[in-house]
Amino acid sequence: MRPAEIDLTNVTPLHGAHAHSDSDHDRPLLDALEHGFTSVEADVWYVGGEVLVGHHRADTDPSRTLASAYLEPLARLAAHHDGSVFPGHPEFQLLVDLKHAHPDLYPAVEDALRQFPGLVSSWQDRELTEGAVTAVLSGDRPRTAMTSRPTRHTSYDGRLADLGGGLHHTFMPLVSDDWTAAFTWTGDGPMPEHERTRLHEIVTSAHADGHLVRFWATPDAVGDARTRVWTELRDAGVDYLNTDDLAGLRDFLALEHVAG
């Protein structure tokens, strides 16, 4: 099925739903879209002069480039939906995770994104030209190379250590970090109060400077522990919930919406 033929009319876009390691799914991008996810993570490698998609280098295939697997399908959808990926919903984030520090990978990603000027947001200094898709660079991010570009098609995925460091939200709109490095609680029983306080302080600090927040490595196996962690994250105002279980997070957010 070609992505342009996907009917998203009756799919509810899930604000804050992030598809981690999206390329590992049976139908990368398509599965996430059909579950309503408004943020997907494309793992990329520089192989043979191309930006190839795959969580591990051994998973890459010359026919699956960043453009063919993600940008072209997203462009076709935006063309069908008056300039947005989901009908009537302007927000869509493409997290591009650089899986290694090859010096040609970041420039090649920028080159790929530049081929879709009507689709992908761009920044000239701090001036934003907004598109249907906002690309955020994660993984082995070359911060110096990014800041030296007068025009960028990617923004920077920061870390908790970057909070309060003066990076403007137009450069660093998102702050992501490893849950297990910041917290010991993994959902067994109630969250310790001092960790809950820290979580809320992190989110408050980030939001005060215009940054959104995401954690990876949160519990993702089906069960009460995962539900407890997701509930605490949402209660604290964490902006993106990170998962490999598309249906599980969709159902959680649907129940949360009903309860709210």
C-alpha atoms as a PDB file:
ATOM      1  CA  MET A   1       0.000   0.000   0.000  1.00  0.00           C
ATOM      2  CA  ARG A   2       1.369   3.423  -0.954  1.00  0.00           C
ATOM      3  CA  PRO A   3       1.353   5.877   1.954  1.00  0.00           C
ATOM      4  CA  ALA A   4      -0.722   8.395  -0.026  1.00  0.00           C
ATOM      5  CA  GLU A   5      -3.513   5.817  -0.075  1.00  0.00           C
ATOM      6  CA  ILE A   6      -3.701   5.536   3.714  1.00  0.00           C
ATOM      7  CA  ASP A   7      -6.990   6.903   4.972  1.00  0.00           C
ATOM      8  CA  LEU A   8      -6.258   8.871   8.125  1.00  0.00           C
ATOM      9  CA  THR A   9      -9.637  10.588   8.172  1.00  0.00           C
ATOM     10  CA  ASN A  10     -10.902   8.525  11.096  1.00  0.00           C
ATOM     11  CA  VAL A  11      -7.567   8.238  12.892  1.00  0.00           C
ATOM     12  CA  THR A  12      -7.307  10.411  15.997  1.00  0.00           C
ATOM     13  CA  PRO A  13      -3.885  12.130  16.125  1.00  0.00           C
ATOM     14  CA  LEU A  14      -2.304  11.407  19.494  1.00  0.00           C
ATOM     15  CA  HIS A  15      -0.552  14.465  20.829  1.00  0.00           C
ATOM     16  CA  GLY A  16       2.635  13.396  22.577  1.00  0.00           C
ATOM     17  CA  ALA A  17       2.797   9.826  21.229  1.00  0.00           C
ATOM     18  CA  HIS A  18       6.342   8.988  20.087  1.00  0.00           C
ATOM     19  CA  ALA A  19       7.175   5.839  18.120  1.00  0.00           C
ATOM     20  CA  HIS A  20      10.632   4.795  19.284  1.00  0.00           C
ATOM     21  CA  SER A  21      12.782   2.691  16.887  1.00  0.00           C
ATOM     22  CA  ASP A  22      10.066   3.096  14.278  1.00  0.00           C
ATOM     23  CA  SER A  23      12.083   1.320  11.577  1.00  0.00           C
ATOM     24  CA  ASP A  24      11.803  -1.939  13.561  1.00  0.00           C
ATOM     25  CA  HIS A  25       8.054  -2.128  12.974  1.00  0.00           C
ATOM     26  CA  ASP A  26       6.617  -4.339  10.246  1.00  0.00           C
ATOM     27  CA  ARG A  27       5.568  -1.243   8.305  1.00  0.00           C
ATOM     28  CA  PRO A  28       7.803   1.642   9.351  1.00  0.00           C
ATOM     29  CA  LEU A  29       6.000   4.984   9.524  1.00  0.00           C
ATOM     30  CA  LEU A  30       2.731   3.491   8.264  1.00  0.00           C
ATOM     31  CA  ASP A  31       2.042   1.533  11.463  1.00  0.00           C
ATOM     32  CA  ALA A  32       2.760   4.628  13.557  1.00  0.00           C
ATOM     33  CA  LEU A  33       0.501   6.819  11.441  1.00  0.00           C
ATOM     34  CA  GLU A  34      -2.381   4.361  11.503  1.00  0.00           C
ATOM     35  CA  HIS A  35      -2.125   4.274  15.305  1.00  0.00           C
ATOM     36  CA  GLY A  36      -2.289   8.085  15.405  1.00  0.00           C
ATOM     37  CA  PHE A  37       1.327   8.773  16.428  1.00  0.00           C
ATOM     38  CA  THR A  38       2.422  12.344  15.801  1.00  0.00           C
ATOM     39  CA  SER A  39       6.128  11.710  16.418  1.00  0.00           C
ATOM     40  CA  VAL A  40       8.297   8.978  14.910  1.00  0.00           C
ATOM     41  CA  GLU A  41      11.977   8.118  15.289  1.00  0.00           C
ATOM     42  CA  ALA A  42      14.011   7.221  12.219  1.00  0.00           C
ATOM     43  CA  ASP A  43      17.393   5.613  12.996  1.00  0.00           C
ATOM     44  CA  VAL A  44      19.881   6.448  10.248  1.00  0.00           C
ATOM     45  CA  TRP A  45      23.357   5.416   9.051  1.00  0.00           C
ATOM     46  CA  TYR A  46      25.677   6.728   6.365  1.00  0.00           C
ATOM     47  CA  VAL A  47      26.393   3.792   4.089  1.00  0.00           C
ATOM     48  CA  GLY A  48      27.689   3.966   0.528  1.00  0.00           C
ATOM     49  CA  GLY A  49      27.014   7.658   0.254  1.00  0.00           C
ATOM     50  CA  GLU A  50      23.370   7.296   1.310  1.00  0.00           C
ATOM     51  CA  VAL A  51      21.366   7.984   4.477  1.00  0.00           C
ATOM     52  CA  LEU A  52      19.930   4.539   5.187  1.00  0.00           C
ATOM     53  CA  VAL A  53      17.293   3.621   7.764  1.00  0.00           C
ATOM     54  CA  GLY A  54      17.755   0.860  10.354  1.00  0.00           C
ATOM     55  CA  HIS A  55      18.121   0.456  14.101  1.00  0.00           C
ATOM     56  CA  HIS A  56      21.343  -1.524  13.532  1.00  0.00           C
ATOM     57  CA  ARG A  57      23.689  -1.145  10.609  1.00  0.00           C
ATOM     58  CA  ALA A  58      23.038  -4.780   9.679  1.00  0.00           C
ATOM     59  CA  ASP A  59      19.352  -3.854   9.275  1.00  0.00           C
ATOM     60  CA  THR A  60      20.000  -1.273   6.557  1.00  0.00           C
ATOM     61  CA  ASP A  61      18.915  -1.821   2.975  1.00  0.00           C
ATOM     62  CA  PRO A  62      20.048   0.367   0.033  1.00  0.00           C
ATOM     63  CA  SER A  63      16.413   0.692  -1.034  1.00  0.00           C
ATOM     64  CA  ARG A  64      15.365   2.178   2.325  1.00  0.00           C
ATOM     65  CA  THR A  65      16.718   5.689   2.543  1.00  0.00           C
ATOM     66  CA  LEU A  66      15.534   8.471   4.816  1.00  0.00           C
ATOM     67  CA  ALA A  67      13.853  10.019   1.784  1.00  0.00           C
ATOM     68  CA  SER A  68      12.139   6.912   0.433  1.00  0.00           C
ATOM     69  CA  ALA A  69      11.031   5.481   3.785  1.00  0.00           C
ATOM     70  CA  TYR A  70       9.934   8.706   5.481  1.00  0.00           C
ATOM     71  CA  LEU A  71      10.151  11.968   3.571  1.00  0.00           C
ATOM     72  CA  GLU A  72       8.452  10.910   0.352  1.00  0.00           C
ATOM     73  CA  PRO A  73       5.501   9.207   2.106  1.00  0.00           C
ATOM     74  CA  LEU A  74       5.075  12.185   4.433  1.00  0.00           C
ATOM     75  CA  ALA A  75       5.180  14.581   1.480  1.00  0.00           C
ATOM     76  CA  ARG A  76       2.437  12.639  -0.296  1.00  0.00           C
ATOM     77  CA  LEU A  77       0.259  12.689   2.809  1.00  0.00           C
ATOM     78  CA  ALA A  78       0.786  16.421   3.334  1.00  0.00           C
ATOM     79  CA  ALA A  79      -0.171  17.025  -0.303  1.00  0.00           C
ATOM     80  CA  HIS A  80      -3.428  15.122   0.273  1.00  0.00           C
ATOM     81  CA  HIS A  81      -4.223  16.876   3.563  1.00  0.00           C
ATOM     82  CA  ASP A  82      -3.756  20.550   2.712  1.00  0.00           C
ATOM     83  CA  GLY A  83      -0.241  20.766   4.084  1.00  0.00           C
ATOM     84  CA  SER A  84      -0.385  18.591   7.190  1.00  0.00           C
ATOM     85  CA  VAL A  85       0.347  14.918   7.782  1.00  0.00           C
ATOM     86  CA  PHE A  86      -2.939  14.330   9.639  1.00  0.00           C
ATOM     87  CA  PRO A  87      -6.032  16.135   8.344  1.00  0.00           C
ATOM     88  CA  GLY A  88      -6.529  19.300  10.352  1.00  0.00           C
ATOM     89  CA  HIS A  89      -3.650  18.555  12.721  1.00  0.00           C
ATOM     90  CA  PRO A  90      -0.546  20.679  11.994  1.00  0.00           C
ATOM     91  CA  GLU A  91       1.950  18.980  14.329  1.00  0.00           C
ATOM     92  CA  PHE A  92       4.240  16.149  13.256  1.00  0.00           C
ATOM     93  CA  GLN A  93       7.749  15.473  14.549  1.00  0.00           C
ATOM     94  CA  LEU A  94      10.399  13.390  12.809  1.00  0.00           C
ATOM     95  CA  LEU A  95      13.185  12.511  15.225  1.00  0.00           C
ATOM     96  CA  VAL A  96      16.250  11.600  13.157  1.00  0.00           C
ATOM     97  CA  ASP A  97      18.583   9.512  15.322  1.00  0.00           C
ATOM     98  CA  LEU A  98      22.167   9.552  14.020  1.00  0.00           C
ATOM     99  CA  LYS A  99      23.412   6.079  14.952  1.00  0.00           C
ATOM    100  CA  HIS A 100      27.084   6.824  14.421  1.00  0.00           C
ATOM    101  CA  ALA A 101      29.374   9.835  14.256  1.00  0.00           C
ATOM    102  CA  HIS A 102      30.303   9.603  10.569  1.00  0.00           C
ATOM    103  CA  PRO A 103      31.344  13.118   9.442  1.00  0.00           C
ATOM    104  CA  ASP A 104      29.227  12.911   6.285  1.00  0.00           C
ATOM    105  CA  LEU A 105      26.026  11.745   7.956  1.00  0.00           C
ATOM    106  CA  TYR A 106      24.736  15.057   9.261  1.00  0.00           C
ATOM    107  CA  PRO A 107      25.398  16.977   6.026  1.00  0.00           C
ATOM    108  CA  ALA A 108      23.698  14.170   4.104  1.00  0.00           C
ATOM    109  CA  VAL A 109      20.651  14.363   6.383  1.00  0.00           C
ATOM    110  CA  GLU A 110      20.446  18.113   5.811  1.00  0.00           C
ATOM    111  CA  ASP A 111      20.748  17.543   2.056  1.00  0.00           C
ATOM    112  CA  ALA A 112      17.918  15.002   2.142  1.00  0.00           C
ATOM    113  CA  LEU A 113      15.635  17.307   4.124  1.00  0.00           C
ATOM    114  CA  ARG A 114      16.421  20.278   1.894  1.00  0.00           C
ATOM    115  CA  GLN A 115      14.854  18.414  -1.039  1.00  0.00           C
ATOM    116  CA  PHE A 116      11.431  18.827   0.644  1.00  0.00           C
ATOM    117  CA  PRO A 117      11.134  22.582   1.250  1.00  0.00           C
ATOM    118  CA  GLY A 118       7.345  22.593   1.372  1.00  0.00           C
ATOM    119  CA  LEU A 119       7.302  19.743   3.862  1.00  0.00           C
ATOM    120  CA  VAL A 120      10.125  20.238   6.353  1.00  0.00           C
ATOM    121  CA  SER A 121      10.506  23.192   8.716  1.00  0.00           C
ATOM    122  CA  SER A 122      13.688  25.242   8.410  1.00  0.00           C
ATOM    123  CA  TRP A 123      15.531  27.764  10.550  1.00  0.00           C
ATOM    124  CA  GLN A 124      17.601  30.721   9.458  1.00  0.00           C
ATOM    125  CA  ASP A 125      19.301  31.877  12.611  1.00  0.00           C
ATOM    126  CA  ARG A 126      16.252  31.887  14.937  1.00  0.00           C
ATOM    127  CA  GLU A 127      13.706  32.571  12.207  1.00  0.00           C
ATOM    128  CA  LEU A 128      11.429  29.577  11.672  1.00  0.00           C
ATOM    129  CA  THR A 129       9.785  28.709   8.372  1.00  0.00           C
ATOM    130  CA  GLU A 130       7.261  26.129   9.492  1.00  0.00           C
ATOM    131  CA  GLY A 131       6.422  23.015   7.489  1.00  0.00           C
ATOM    132  CA  ALA A 132       4.177  20.030   8.037  1.00  0.00           C
ATOM    133  CA  VAL A 133       7.096  18.091   9.548  1.00  0.00           C
ATOM    134  CA  THR A 134       9.596  19.315  12.122  1.00  0.00           C
ATOM    135  CA  ALA A 135      12.836  17.344  12.077  1.00  0.00           C
ATOM    136  CA  VAL A 136      14.781  17.022  15.343  1.00  0.00           C
ATOM    137  CA  LEU A 137      18.299  15.579  15.357  1.00  0.00           C
ATOM    138  CA  SER A 138      19.101  13.026  18.071  1.00  0.00           C
ATOM    139  CA  GLY A 139      21.819  10.453  18.706  1.00  0.00           C
ATOM    140  CA  ASP A 140      25.347  11.533  17.667  1.00  0.00           C
ATOM    141  CA  ARG A 141      24.389  15.170  17.188  1.00  0.00           C
ATOM    142  CA  PRO A 142      27.191  17.398  15.844  1.00  0.00           C
ATOM    143  CA  ARG A 143      26.261  20.526  17.769  1.00  0.00           C
ATOM    144  CA  THR A 144      29.081  22.687  16.397  1.00  0.00           C
ATOM    145  CA  ALA A 145      28.273  21.764  12.811  1.00  0.00           C
ATOM    146  CA  MET A 146      24.602  22.514  13.444  1.00  0.00           C
ATOM    147  CA  THR A 147      25.204  25.935  14.976  1.00  0.00           C
ATOM    148  CA  SER A 148      27.574  26.891  12.151  1.00  0.00           C
ATOM    149  CA  ARG A 149      24.897  26.465   9.462  1.00  0.00           C
ATOM    150  CA  PRO A 150      23.148  29.711   8.545  1.00  0.00           C
ATOM    151  CA  THR A 151      20.122  27.667   7.444  1.00  0.00           C
ATOM    152  CA  ARG A 152      19.138  24.383   9.093  1.00  0.00           C
ATOM    153  CA  HIS A 153      16.393  21.849   8.460  1.00  0.00           C
ATOM    154  CA  THR A 154      16.996  20.146  11.802  1.00  0.00           C
ATOM    155  CA  SER A 155      16.794  21.263  15.404  1.00  0.00           C
ATOM    156  CA  TYR A 156      18.687  19.820  18.366  1.00  0.00           C
ATOM    157  CA  ASP A 157      17.517  17.122  20.771  1.00  0.00           C
ATOM    158  CA  GLY A 158      19.108  18.189  24.068  1.00  0.00           C
ATOM    159  CA  ARG A 159      19.831  16.284  27.257  1.00  0.00           C
ATOM    160  CA  LEU A 160      18.995  17.083  30.880  1.00  0.00           C
ATOM    161  CA  ALA A 161      22.506  18.475  31.315  1.00  0.00           C
ATOM    162  CA  ASP A 162      21.667  21.102  28.670  1.00  0.00           C
ATOM    163  CA  LEU A 163      18.816  22.580  30.721  1.00  0.00           C
ATOM    164  CA  GLY A 164      19.683  26.049  31.943  1.00  0.00           C
ATOM    165  CA  GLY A 165      22.652  26.189  29.572  1.00  0.00           C
ATOM    166  CA  GLY A 166      21.325  29.030  27.472  1.00  0.00           C
ATOM    167  CA  LEU A 167      20.384  27.053  24.359  1.00  0.00           C
ATOM    168  CA  HIS A 168      17.423  28.799  22.760  1.00  0.00           C
ATOM    169  CA  HIS A 169      14.264  26.788  22.198  1.00  0.00           C
ATOM    170  CA  THR A 170      14.423  27.496  18.468  1.00  0.00           C
ATOM    171  CA  PHE A 171      17.659  25.507  18.390  1.00  0.00           C
ATOM    172  CA  MET A 172      16.780  22.984  21.127  1.00  0.00           C
ATOM    173  CA  PRO A 173      12.992  22.524  21.121  1.00  0.00           C
ATOM    174  CA  LEU A 174      13.223  19.079  22.719  1.00  0.00           C
ATOM    175  CA  VAL A 175      15.118  17.642  25.690  1.00  0.00           C
ATOM    176  CA  SER A 176      15.351  13.840  25.868  1.00  0.00           C
ATOM    177  CA  ASP A 177      17.186  11.577  28.275  1.00  0.00           C
ATOM    178  CA  ASP A 178      17.520   8.041  29.597  1.00  0.00           C
ATOM    179  CA  TRP A 179      14.902   7.432  32.284  1.00  0.00           C
ATOM    180  CA  THR A 180      17.079   4.865  34.051  1.00  0.00           C
ATOM    181  CA  ALA A 181      19.965   7.335  34.328  1.00  0.00           C
ATOM    182  CA  ALA A 182      17.781   9.968  35.976  1.00  0.00           C
ATOM    183  CA  PHE A 183      15.417   7.840  38.105  1.00  0.00           C
ATOM    184  CA  THR A 184      15.512   4.544  39.972  1.00  0.00           C
ATOM    185  CA  TRP A 185      11.738   3.960  40.010  1.00  0.00           C
ATOM    186  CA  THR A 186      10.509   1.625  37.260  1.00  0.00           C
ATOM    187  CA  GLY A 187       6.841   1.437  38.154  1.00  0.00           C
ATOM    188  CA  ASP A 188       6.842  -1.057  41.040  1.00  0.00           C
ATOM    189  CA  GLY A 189       4.507   0.441  43.595  1.00  0.00           C
ATOM    190  CA  PRO A 190       4.031   4.183  44.067  1.00  0.00           C
ATOM    191  CA  MET A 191       6.660   6.582  42.749  1.00  0.00           C
ATOM    192  CA  PRO A 192       8.953   7.804  45.559  1.00  0.00           C
ATOM    193  CA  GLU A 193       7.989  11.332  46.457  1.00  0.00           C
ATOM    194  CA  HIS A 194      11.498  12.747  46.029  1.00  0.00           C
ATOM    195  CA  GLU A 195      11.664  11.315  42.490  1.00  0.00           C
ATOM    196  CA  ARG A 196       8.209  12.644  41.661  1.00  0.00           C
ATOM    197  CA  THR A 197       9.326  16.070  42.867  1.00  0.00           C
ATOM    198  CA  ARG A 198      12.453  15.867  40.709  1.00  0.00           C
ATOM    199  CA  LEU A 199      10.423  14.862  37.649  1.00  0.00           C
ATOM    200  CA  HIS A 200       8.079  17.824  38.085  1.00  0.00           C
ATOM    201  CA  GLU A 201      11.039  20.171  38.611  1.00  0.00           C
ATOM    202  CA  ILE A 202      12.672  18.961  35.383  1.00  0.00           C
ATOM    203  CA  VAL A 203       9.509  19.533  33.368  1.00  0.00           C
ATOM    204  CA  THR A 204       8.844  22.925  34.941  1.00  0.00           C
ATOM    205  CA  SER A 205      12.409  24.053  34.237  1.00  0.00           C
ATOM    206  CA  ALA A 206      12.304  22.834  30.638  1.00  0.00           C
ATOM    207  CA  HIS A 207       8.915  24.374  29.905  1.00  0.00           C
ATOM    208  CA  ALA A 208       9.969  27.703  31.404  1.00  0.00           C
ATOM    209  CA  ASP A 209      12.605  27.982  28.667  1.00  0.00           C
ATOM    210  CA  GLY A 210      10.360  26.680  25.902  1.00  0.00           C
ATOM    211  CA  HIS A 211      11.709  23.112  25.702  1.00  0.00           C
ATOM    212  CA  LEU A 212       9.598  19.973  25.383  1.00  0.00           C
ATOM    213  CA  VAL A 213      10.511  16.826  27.348  1.00  0.00           C
ATOM    214  CA  ARG A 214      10.846  13.128  26.466  1.00  0.00           C
ATOM    215  CA  PHE A 215      12.398  10.134  28.241  1.00  0.00           C
ATOM    216  CA  TRP A 216      13.553   6.931  26.596  1.00  0.00           C
ATOM    217  CA  ALA A 217      14.098   3.560  28.338  1.00  0.00           C
ATOM    218  CA  THR A 218      10.905   3.869  30.361  1.00  0.00           C
ATOM    219  CA  PRO A 219       9.266   0.490  31.131  1.00  0.00           C
ATOM    220  CA  ASP A 220       7.638  -0.744  27.923  1.00  0.00           C
ATOM    221  CA  ALA A 221       6.485  -4.274  28.767  1.00  0.00           C
ATOM    222  CA  VAL A 222       2.726  -4.670  29.137  1.00  0.00           C
ATOM    223  CA  GLY A 223       1.673  -4.428  32.766  1.00  0.00           C
ATOM    224  CA  ASP A 224       0.807  -2.235  35.706  1.00  0.00           C
ATOM    225  CA  ALA A 225       4.348  -0.891  36.070  1.00  0.00           C
ATOM    226  CA  ARG A 226       4.271   0.635  32.595  1.00  0.00           C
ATOM    227  CA  THR A 227       0.856   2.171  33.209  1.00  0.00           C
ATOM    228  CA  ARG A 228       2.031   3.707  36.487  1.00  0.00           C
ATOM    229  CA  VAL A 229       5.078   5.254  34.813  1.00  0.00           C
ATOM    230  CA  TRP A 230       3.083   6.615  31.873  1.00  0.00           C
ATOM    231  CA  THR A 231       0.550   8.084  34.308  1.00  0.00           C
ATOM    232  CA  GLU A 232       3.265   9.830  36.322  1.00  0.00           C
ATOM    233  CA  LEU A 233       4.849  11.171  33.127  1.00  0.00           C
ATOM    234  CA  ARG A 234       1.561  12.613  31.915  1.00  0.00           C
ATOM    235  CA  ASP A 235       0.705  14.033  35.337  1.00  0.00           C
ATOM    236  CA  ALA A 236       4.079  15.788  35.404  1.00  0.00           C
ATOM    237  CA  GLY A 237       3.507  17.289  31.954  1.00  0.00           C
ATOM    238  CA  VAL A 238       6.107  15.269  30.033  1.00  0.00           C
ATOM    239  CA  ASP A 239       5.369  16.106  26.418  1.00  0.00           C
ATOM    240  CA  TYR A 240       6.179  12.834  24.630  1.00  0.00           C
ATOM    241  CA  LEU A 241       5.602   9.288  25.817  1.00  0.00           C
ATOM    242  CA  ASN A 242       8.153   6.956  24.243  1.00  0.00           C
ATOM    243  CA  THR A 243       7.178   3.412  23.223  1.00  0.00           C
ATOM    244  CA  ASP A 244       7.668   0.507  20.845  1.00  0.00           C
ATOM    245  CA  ASP A 245       4.136  -0.731  21.644  1.00  0.00           C
ATOM    246  CA  LEU A 246       1.998   1.415  19.361  1.00  0.00           C
ATOM    247  CA  ALA A 247      -1.334  -0.164  20.246  1.00  0.00           C
ATOM    248  CA  GLY A 248      -0.548  -0.112  23.980  1.00  0.00           C
ATOM    249  CA  LEU A 249       0.166   3.608  24.099  1.00  0.00           C
ATOM    250  CA  ARG A 250      -2.774   4.414  21.819  1.00  0.00           C
ATOM    251  CA  ASP A 251      -5.106   2.545  24.169  1.00  0.00           C
ATOM    252  CA  PHE A 252      -3.594   4.216  27.248  1.00  0.00           C
ATOM    253  CA  LEU A 253      -4.035   7.684  25.783  1.00  0.00           C
ATOM    254  CA  ALA A 254      -7.571   6.873  24.659  1.00  0.00           C
ATOM    255  CA  LEU A 255      -8.512   5.757  28.178  1.00  0.00           C
ATOM    256  CA  GLU A 256      -6.810   8.823  29.649  1.00  0.00           C
ATOM    257  CA  HIS A 257      -8.842  11.034  27.315  1.00  0.00           C
ATOM    258  CA  VAL A 258     -12.092   9.348  28.348  1.00  0.00           C
ATOM    259  CA  ALA A 259     -11.181   9.635  32.031  1.00  0.00           C
ATOM    260  CA  GLY A 260     -10.342  13.290  31.568  1.00  0.00           C
END
